N, C-alpha and C. Protein backbone atom coordinates (compact mmCIF):
# COMPACT_ATOMS: atom_id res chain seq x y z
N MET A 1 -14.27 8.14 14.19
CA MET A 1 -14.37 8.78 12.89
C MET A 1 -13.00 8.95 12.25
N ILE A 2 -11.98 9.34 13.03
CA ILE A 2 -10.65 9.56 12.46
C ILE A 2 -10.10 8.25 11.87
N HIS A 3 -10.40 7.12 12.50
CA HIS A 3 -9.92 5.85 11.97
C HIS A 3 -10.56 5.55 10.61
N GLN A 4 -11.80 5.97 10.40
CA GLN A 4 -12.44 5.78 9.10
C GLN A 4 -11.77 6.65 8.03
N ILE A 5 -11.43 7.86 8.40
CA ILE A 5 -10.76 8.77 7.46
C ILE A 5 -9.40 8.19 7.05
N ILE A 6 -8.66 7.69 8.03
CA ILE A 6 -7.33 7.13 7.73
C ILE A 6 -7.46 5.82 6.95
N ALA A 7 -8.30 4.91 7.41
CA ALA A 7 -8.42 3.59 6.77
C ALA A 7 -8.91 3.70 5.33
N THR A 8 -9.79 4.67 5.06
CA THR A 8 -10.33 4.83 3.71
C THR A 8 -9.57 5.89 2.91
N VAL A 9 -8.50 6.43 3.48
CA VAL A 9 -7.70 7.50 2.87
C VAL A 9 -8.62 8.63 2.41
N PHE A 10 -9.20 9.29 3.42
CA PHE A 10 -10.10 10.42 3.19
C PHE A 10 -11.29 10.01 2.32
N PHE A 11 -11.81 8.81 2.57
CA PHE A 11 -13.01 8.26 1.93
C PHE A 11 -12.83 7.91 0.45
N VAL A 12 -11.61 7.90 -0.04
CA VAL A 12 -11.34 7.43 -1.41
C VAL A 12 -11.81 5.97 -1.53
N GLY A 13 -11.68 5.21 -0.47
CA GLY A 13 -12.07 3.81 -0.48
C GLY A 13 -13.55 3.58 -0.66
N ARG A 14 -14.34 4.60 -0.53
CA ARG A 14 -15.79 4.45 -0.72
C ARG A 14 -16.21 4.72 -2.17
N LEU A 15 -15.25 5.05 -3.02
CA LEU A 15 -15.53 5.27 -4.44
C LEU A 15 -15.39 3.96 -5.21
N PRO A 16 -15.98 3.88 -6.42
CA PRO A 16 -15.78 2.68 -7.25
C PRO A 16 -14.29 2.50 -7.58
N ALA A 17 -13.89 1.26 -7.82
CA ALA A 17 -12.49 0.91 -8.11
C ALA A 17 -11.58 1.41 -7.00
N SER A 18 -11.99 1.17 -5.77
CA SER A 18 -11.30 1.72 -4.60
C SER A 18 -9.83 1.31 -4.51
N GLY A 19 -9.50 0.07 -4.83
CA GLY A 19 -8.10 -0.37 -4.75
C GLY A 19 -7.21 0.38 -5.73
N THR A 20 -7.70 0.57 -6.93
CA THR A 20 -6.95 1.30 -7.94
C THR A 20 -6.81 2.77 -7.54
N LEU A 21 -7.90 3.35 -7.06
CA LEU A 21 -7.85 4.76 -6.63
C LEU A 21 -6.95 4.94 -5.41
N GLY A 22 -7.00 3.99 -4.48
CA GLY A 22 -6.12 4.05 -3.31
C GLY A 22 -4.66 4.00 -3.71
N THR A 23 -4.36 3.21 -4.73
CA THR A 23 -2.99 3.14 -5.24
C THR A 23 -2.62 4.43 -5.95
N LEU A 24 -3.54 4.98 -6.73
CA LEU A 24 -3.28 6.25 -7.44
C LEU A 24 -2.96 7.38 -6.47
N VAL A 25 -3.60 7.38 -5.31
CA VAL A 25 -3.30 8.39 -4.29
C VAL A 25 -1.83 8.32 -3.90
N GLY A 26 -1.26 7.12 -4.02
CA GLY A 26 0.15 6.94 -3.66
C GLY A 26 1.11 7.74 -4.53
N ILE A 27 0.74 8.03 -5.77
CA ILE A 27 1.67 8.74 -6.66
C ILE A 27 2.00 10.12 -6.12
N PRO A 28 1.03 10.99 -5.82
CA PRO A 28 1.41 12.30 -5.25
C PRO A 28 2.02 12.19 -3.85
N VAL A 29 1.60 11.18 -3.09
CA VAL A 29 2.17 11.00 -1.75
C VAL A 29 3.66 10.68 -1.87
N VAL A 30 4.01 9.73 -2.73
CA VAL A 30 5.43 9.39 -2.93
C VAL A 30 6.19 10.61 -3.42
N TYR A 31 5.61 11.34 -4.34
CA TYR A 31 6.26 12.55 -4.86
C TYR A 31 6.55 13.54 -3.72
N LEU A 32 5.60 13.72 -2.82
CA LEU A 32 5.74 14.70 -1.74
C LEU A 32 6.72 14.27 -0.65
N ILE A 33 6.89 12.97 -0.45
CA ILE A 33 7.76 12.52 0.64
C ILE A 33 9.11 11.99 0.17
N SER A 34 9.38 12.06 -1.12
CA SER A 34 10.61 11.44 -1.63
C SER A 34 11.77 12.44 -1.76
N PHE A 35 11.97 13.25 -0.74
CA PHE A 35 13.13 14.15 -0.72
C PHE A 35 14.42 13.33 -0.75
N ASN A 36 14.42 12.25 0.02
CA ASN A 36 15.51 11.29 0.03
C ASN A 36 14.96 9.96 0.54
N GLN A 37 15.78 8.95 0.61
CA GLN A 37 15.31 7.63 1.02
C GLN A 37 14.85 7.61 2.48
N TRP A 38 15.41 8.47 3.32
CA TRP A 38 15.01 8.49 4.73
C TRP A 38 13.60 9.04 4.90
N THR A 39 13.27 10.12 4.19
CA THR A 39 11.92 10.67 4.31
C THR A 39 10.89 9.70 3.70
N LEU A 40 11.28 9.03 2.65
CA LEU A 40 10.40 8.03 2.05
C LEU A 40 10.16 6.88 3.03
N PHE A 41 11.22 6.41 3.66
CA PHE A 41 11.09 5.32 4.63
C PHE A 41 10.26 5.76 5.83
N LEU A 42 10.50 6.97 6.32
CA LEU A 42 9.72 7.49 7.45
C LEU A 42 8.24 7.61 7.07
N GLY A 43 7.96 8.11 5.89
CA GLY A 43 6.58 8.19 5.42
C GLY A 43 5.93 6.82 5.33
N PHE A 44 6.69 5.85 4.83
CA PHE A 44 6.20 4.48 4.76
C PHE A 44 5.86 3.95 6.16
N LEU A 45 6.74 4.19 7.12
CA LEU A 45 6.49 3.72 8.49
C LEU A 45 5.26 4.38 9.09
N ILE A 46 5.13 5.68 8.91
CA ILE A 46 3.99 6.41 9.48
C ILE A 46 2.69 5.90 8.87
N VAL A 47 2.64 5.78 7.55
CA VAL A 47 1.42 5.30 6.89
C VAL A 47 1.11 3.87 7.31
N SER A 48 2.13 3.04 7.42
CA SER A 48 1.92 1.64 7.79
C SER A 48 1.39 1.50 9.22
N VAL A 49 1.99 2.20 10.15
CA VAL A 49 1.54 2.10 11.55
C VAL A 49 0.15 2.72 11.71
N ALA A 50 -0.06 3.89 11.10
CA ALA A 50 -1.38 4.51 11.16
C ALA A 50 -2.43 3.60 10.52
N GLY A 51 -2.05 2.96 9.41
CA GLY A 51 -2.96 2.04 8.73
C GLY A 51 -3.29 0.82 9.57
N LEU A 52 -2.29 0.30 10.24
CA LEU A 52 -2.50 -0.87 11.09
C LEU A 52 -3.49 -0.56 12.21
N VAL A 53 -3.30 0.57 12.87
CA VAL A 53 -4.16 0.97 13.98
C VAL A 53 -5.56 1.33 13.48
N ALA A 54 -5.64 2.17 12.45
CA ALA A 54 -6.94 2.60 11.94
C ALA A 54 -7.74 1.42 11.39
N THR A 55 -7.07 0.52 10.71
CA THR A 55 -7.75 -0.65 10.15
C THR A 55 -8.27 -1.54 11.26
N GLU A 56 -7.52 -1.69 12.33
CA GLU A 56 -8.00 -2.51 13.46
C GLU A 56 -9.30 -1.93 14.03
N PHE A 57 -9.35 -0.62 14.22
CA PHE A 57 -10.58 0.01 14.69
C PHE A 57 -11.70 -0.16 13.67
N PHE A 58 -11.38 -0.02 12.40
CA PHE A 58 -12.37 -0.16 11.33
C PHE A 58 -12.96 -1.57 11.33
N LEU A 59 -12.10 -2.58 11.50
CA LEU A 59 -12.56 -3.97 11.49
C LEU A 59 -13.49 -4.28 12.65
N GLN A 60 -13.36 -3.54 13.74
CA GLN A 60 -14.26 -3.75 14.87
C GLN A 60 -15.69 -3.34 14.56
N GLU A 61 -15.87 -2.55 13.51
CA GLU A 61 -17.19 -2.06 13.13
C GLU A 61 -17.84 -2.88 12.02
N THR A 62 -17.18 -3.91 11.54
CA THR A 62 -17.69 -4.69 10.42
C THR A 62 -17.44 -6.17 10.64
N THR A 63 -18.14 -7.00 9.88
CA THR A 63 -17.91 -8.44 9.95
C THR A 63 -16.96 -8.91 8.85
N GLU A 64 -16.59 -8.00 7.94
CA GLU A 64 -15.69 -8.36 6.84
C GLU A 64 -14.26 -8.50 7.34
N GLU A 65 -13.51 -9.41 6.71
CA GLU A 65 -12.11 -9.60 7.07
C GLU A 65 -11.21 -8.57 6.41
N ASP A 66 -11.55 -8.18 5.18
CA ASP A 66 -10.75 -7.20 4.42
C ASP A 66 -11.71 -6.31 3.61
N PRO A 67 -12.32 -5.33 4.27
CA PRO A 67 -13.31 -4.49 3.59
C PRO A 67 -12.70 -3.73 2.41
N GLU A 68 -13.45 -3.67 1.31
CA GLU A 68 -12.99 -2.98 0.10
C GLU A 68 -12.67 -1.52 0.34
N GLU A 69 -13.42 -0.89 1.24
CA GLU A 69 -13.22 0.55 1.44
C GLU A 69 -11.93 0.88 2.19
N VAL A 70 -11.31 -0.10 2.81
CA VAL A 70 -10.01 0.13 3.46
C VAL A 70 -8.95 0.12 2.37
N VAL A 71 -8.36 1.28 2.11
CA VAL A 71 -7.34 1.40 1.06
C VAL A 71 -6.01 1.95 1.58
N ILE A 72 -5.91 2.13 2.88
CA ILE A 72 -4.63 2.57 3.45
C ILE A 72 -3.56 1.52 3.19
N ASP A 73 -3.97 0.25 3.05
CA ASP A 73 -3.02 -0.81 2.74
C ASP A 73 -2.43 -0.65 1.34
N GLU A 74 -3.26 -0.21 0.38
CA GLU A 74 -2.75 0.06 -0.96
C GLU A 74 -1.77 1.22 -0.95
N LEU A 75 -2.07 2.24 -0.17
CA LEU A 75 -1.17 3.39 -0.08
C LEU A 75 0.17 2.97 0.52
N ALA A 76 0.14 2.23 1.62
CA ALA A 76 1.39 1.77 2.24
C ALA A 76 2.17 0.87 1.29
N GLY A 77 1.46 -0.01 0.59
CA GLY A 77 2.12 -0.91 -0.35
C GLY A 77 2.76 -0.17 -1.51
N TYR A 78 2.06 0.84 -2.03
CA TYR A 78 2.63 1.60 -3.14
C TYR A 78 3.86 2.40 -2.70
N ILE A 79 3.82 2.96 -1.51
CA ILE A 79 5.01 3.67 -1.00
C ILE A 79 6.18 2.68 -0.87
N ALA A 80 5.89 1.46 -0.42
CA ALA A 80 6.95 0.45 -0.28
C ALA A 80 7.63 0.13 -1.60
N CYS A 81 6.93 0.34 -2.71
CA CYS A 81 7.51 0.09 -4.03
C CYS A 81 8.77 0.92 -4.28
N PHE A 82 8.95 1.99 -3.53
CA PHE A 82 10.06 2.92 -3.78
C PHE A 82 11.15 2.87 -2.71
N LEU A 83 11.11 1.88 -1.86
CA LEU A 83 12.12 1.79 -0.82
C LEU A 83 13.51 1.43 -1.36
N LEU A 84 13.56 0.79 -2.52
CA LEU A 84 14.85 0.41 -3.11
C LEU A 84 15.17 1.15 -4.40
N VAL A 85 14.22 1.94 -4.90
CA VAL A 85 14.44 2.64 -6.18
C VAL A 85 14.01 4.09 -6.07
N GLU A 86 14.62 4.91 -6.91
CA GLU A 86 14.27 6.33 -6.97
C GLU A 86 12.98 6.53 -7.74
N PRO A 87 12.08 7.37 -7.23
CA PRO A 87 10.88 7.67 -8.00
C PRO A 87 11.22 8.44 -9.29
N SER A 88 10.62 8.02 -10.38
CA SER A 88 10.75 8.69 -11.68
C SER A 88 9.48 8.35 -12.45
N LEU A 89 9.26 8.98 -13.56
CA LEU A 89 8.07 8.68 -14.34
C LEU A 89 8.00 7.18 -14.68
N LYS A 90 9.15 6.63 -15.06
CA LYS A 90 9.21 5.20 -15.41
C LYS A 90 8.87 4.32 -14.20
N THR A 91 9.44 4.63 -13.04
CA THR A 91 9.17 3.79 -11.87
C THR A 91 7.76 4.01 -11.32
N TYR A 92 7.25 5.24 -11.40
CA TYR A 92 5.86 5.48 -10.96
C TYR A 92 4.90 4.57 -11.73
N LEU A 93 5.03 4.55 -13.05
CA LEU A 93 4.12 3.78 -13.90
C LEU A 93 4.33 2.28 -13.76
N THR A 94 5.58 1.85 -13.79
CA THR A 94 5.88 0.43 -13.68
C THR A 94 5.46 -0.10 -12.31
N ALA A 95 5.75 0.65 -11.27
CA ALA A 95 5.36 0.24 -9.92
C ALA A 95 3.84 0.16 -9.81
N PHE A 96 3.14 1.12 -10.38
CA PHE A 96 1.69 1.11 -10.33
C PHE A 96 1.13 -0.16 -10.97
N LEU A 97 1.60 -0.46 -12.17
CA LEU A 97 1.09 -1.64 -12.89
C LEU A 97 1.44 -2.94 -12.17
N LEU A 98 2.71 -3.10 -11.79
CA LEU A 98 3.12 -4.31 -11.09
C LEU A 98 2.39 -4.47 -9.76
N PHE A 99 2.29 -3.38 -9.02
CA PHE A 99 1.64 -3.45 -7.72
C PHE A 99 0.18 -3.85 -7.85
N ARG A 100 -0.54 -3.28 -8.82
CA ARG A 100 -1.95 -3.63 -9.01
C ARG A 100 -2.08 -5.11 -9.38
N VAL A 101 -1.21 -5.61 -10.24
CA VAL A 101 -1.26 -7.03 -10.62
C VAL A 101 -1.03 -7.90 -9.39
N PHE A 102 -0.01 -7.58 -8.60
CA PHE A 102 0.29 -8.36 -7.40
C PHE A 102 -0.84 -8.25 -6.39
N ASP A 103 -1.42 -7.07 -6.26
CA ASP A 103 -2.50 -6.86 -5.28
C ASP A 103 -3.76 -7.62 -5.69
N ILE A 104 -4.05 -7.68 -6.96
CA ILE A 104 -5.26 -8.36 -7.43
C ILE A 104 -5.09 -9.88 -7.39
N PHE A 105 -3.97 -10.39 -7.92
CA PHE A 105 -3.80 -11.84 -8.04
C PHE A 105 -3.13 -12.49 -6.83
N LYS A 106 -2.44 -11.71 -6.02
CA LYS A 106 -1.79 -12.19 -4.80
C LYS A 106 -1.01 -13.50 -5.00
N PRO A 107 0.02 -13.46 -5.87
CA PRO A 107 0.83 -14.67 -6.06
C PRO A 107 1.64 -14.99 -4.80
N PHE A 108 2.16 -16.21 -4.76
CA PHE A 108 3.04 -16.61 -3.66
C PHE A 108 4.26 -15.70 -3.65
N PRO A 109 4.73 -15.23 -2.56
CA PRO A 109 4.37 -15.48 -1.17
C PRO A 109 3.37 -14.45 -0.61
N ILE A 110 2.88 -13.54 -1.46
CA ILE A 110 1.97 -12.49 -0.99
C ILE A 110 0.73 -13.09 -0.35
N ASN A 111 0.20 -14.16 -0.95
CA ASN A 111 -1.02 -14.77 -0.44
C ASN A 111 -0.88 -15.31 0.98
N LEU A 112 0.32 -15.64 1.38
CA LEU A 112 0.53 -16.13 2.75
C LEU A 112 0.28 -15.04 3.79
N PHE A 113 0.60 -13.82 3.44
CA PHE A 113 0.51 -12.72 4.40
C PHE A 113 -0.92 -12.24 4.63
N GLU A 114 -1.81 -12.45 3.67
CA GLU A 114 -3.19 -12.04 3.89
C GLU A 114 -3.89 -12.95 4.89
N ARG A 115 -3.27 -14.06 5.23
CA ARG A 115 -3.83 -14.99 6.22
C ARG A 115 -3.55 -14.57 7.66
N LEU A 116 -2.71 -13.56 7.84
CA LEU A 116 -2.44 -13.07 9.19
C LEU A 116 -3.72 -12.52 9.79
N PRO A 117 -3.82 -12.49 11.10
CA PRO A 117 -5.08 -12.05 11.72
C PRO A 117 -5.33 -10.53 11.58
N ARG A 118 -6.60 -10.22 11.36
CA ARG A 118 -7.16 -8.88 11.44
C ARG A 118 -6.38 -7.85 10.63
N SER A 119 -6.02 -6.74 11.24
CA SER A 119 -5.39 -5.66 10.47
C SER A 119 -4.00 -6.04 9.96
N PHE A 120 -3.35 -6.99 10.61
CA PHE A 120 -2.04 -7.43 10.12
C PHE A 120 -2.19 -8.07 8.74
N GLY A 121 -3.21 -8.88 8.55
CA GLY A 121 -3.45 -9.51 7.26
C GLY A 121 -3.86 -8.51 6.19
N VAL A 122 -4.68 -7.52 6.59
CA VAL A 122 -5.11 -6.49 5.64
C VAL A 122 -3.91 -5.71 5.14
N MET A 123 -3.03 -5.32 6.04
CA MET A 123 -1.89 -4.47 5.69
C MET A 123 -0.72 -5.26 5.09
N ALA A 124 -0.43 -6.42 5.64
CA ALA A 124 0.82 -7.13 5.31
C ALA A 124 0.89 -7.59 3.87
N ASP A 125 -0.22 -8.08 3.30
CA ASP A 125 -0.13 -8.59 1.93
C ASP A 125 0.22 -7.46 0.95
N ASP A 126 -0.32 -6.26 1.17
CA ASP A 126 -0.01 -5.14 0.28
C ASP A 126 1.40 -4.62 0.50
N ILE A 127 1.85 -4.62 1.73
CA ILE A 127 3.22 -4.18 2.01
C ILE A 127 4.22 -5.15 1.39
N VAL A 128 3.96 -6.44 1.51
CA VAL A 128 4.85 -7.44 0.90
C VAL A 128 4.81 -7.31 -0.62
N ALA A 129 3.63 -7.06 -1.19
CA ALA A 129 3.54 -6.84 -2.64
C ALA A 129 4.39 -5.64 -3.05
N GLY A 130 4.32 -4.55 -2.27
CA GLY A 130 5.12 -3.37 -2.57
C GLY A 130 6.61 -3.63 -2.45
N LEU A 131 7.00 -4.38 -1.43
CA LEU A 131 8.42 -4.72 -1.27
C LEU A 131 8.92 -5.59 -2.42
N LEU A 132 8.07 -6.51 -2.86
CA LEU A 132 8.42 -7.36 -3.99
C LEU A 132 8.57 -6.53 -5.27
N VAL A 133 7.66 -5.59 -5.48
CA VAL A 133 7.77 -4.69 -6.64
C VAL A 133 9.06 -3.88 -6.55
N SER A 134 9.38 -3.38 -5.36
CA SER A 134 10.60 -2.60 -5.17
C SER A 134 11.83 -3.43 -5.54
N PHE A 135 11.85 -4.68 -5.11
CA PHE A 135 12.96 -5.57 -5.41
C PHE A 135 13.06 -5.83 -6.91
N ILE A 136 11.93 -6.08 -7.55
CA ILE A 136 11.93 -6.32 -9.00
C ILE A 136 12.42 -5.09 -9.75
N LEU A 137 11.93 -3.91 -9.37
CA LEU A 137 12.38 -2.68 -10.02
C LEU A 137 13.87 -2.46 -9.80
N PHE A 138 14.35 -2.75 -8.60
CA PHE A 138 15.77 -2.62 -8.31
C PHE A 138 16.60 -3.52 -9.25
N LEU A 139 16.16 -4.76 -9.40
CA LEU A 139 16.88 -5.68 -10.30
C LEU A 139 16.82 -5.22 -11.75
N LEU A 140 15.67 -4.74 -12.19
CA LEU A 140 15.53 -4.29 -13.58
C LEU A 140 16.36 -3.05 -13.88
N LEU A 141 16.45 -2.16 -12.91
CA LEU A 141 17.15 -0.89 -13.14
C LEU A 141 18.64 -0.97 -12.88
N ASN A 142 19.09 -2.03 -12.22
CA ASN A 142 20.51 -2.13 -11.86
C ASN A 142 21.17 -3.37 -12.43
N ARG A 143 20.82 -3.72 -13.65
CA ARG A 143 21.46 -4.90 -14.24
C ARG A 143 22.51 -4.49 -15.22
């Protein structure tokens, strides 16, 4: 049961537009853990590892490769958007929009990571999307 709570981010993943809602949950989470870059990075690691484990257990209960209700990957990916930039109203909104576009369309090289097996594929494509967004925001804000 605990793996379902973690994988669905307290059952947010069972609501309509689960990917968007899972990403929206990231906004207050980033706000709460962004005391400095170390706490943000630690939060990212904790969510990512917990997501990897919980998603693996979740996948054992279904035949789907990437169930819609699993949204811990969106949360980890959105947190990754801030690993290179400071959270602000501008970065919260820009990261949200860019991350959703990357998550939905999965451009290269993001699409390569969803091919990884089981929970690695579920988590990795969103984490790579978040890292790519973080890099883009870093370039835009530091030119």
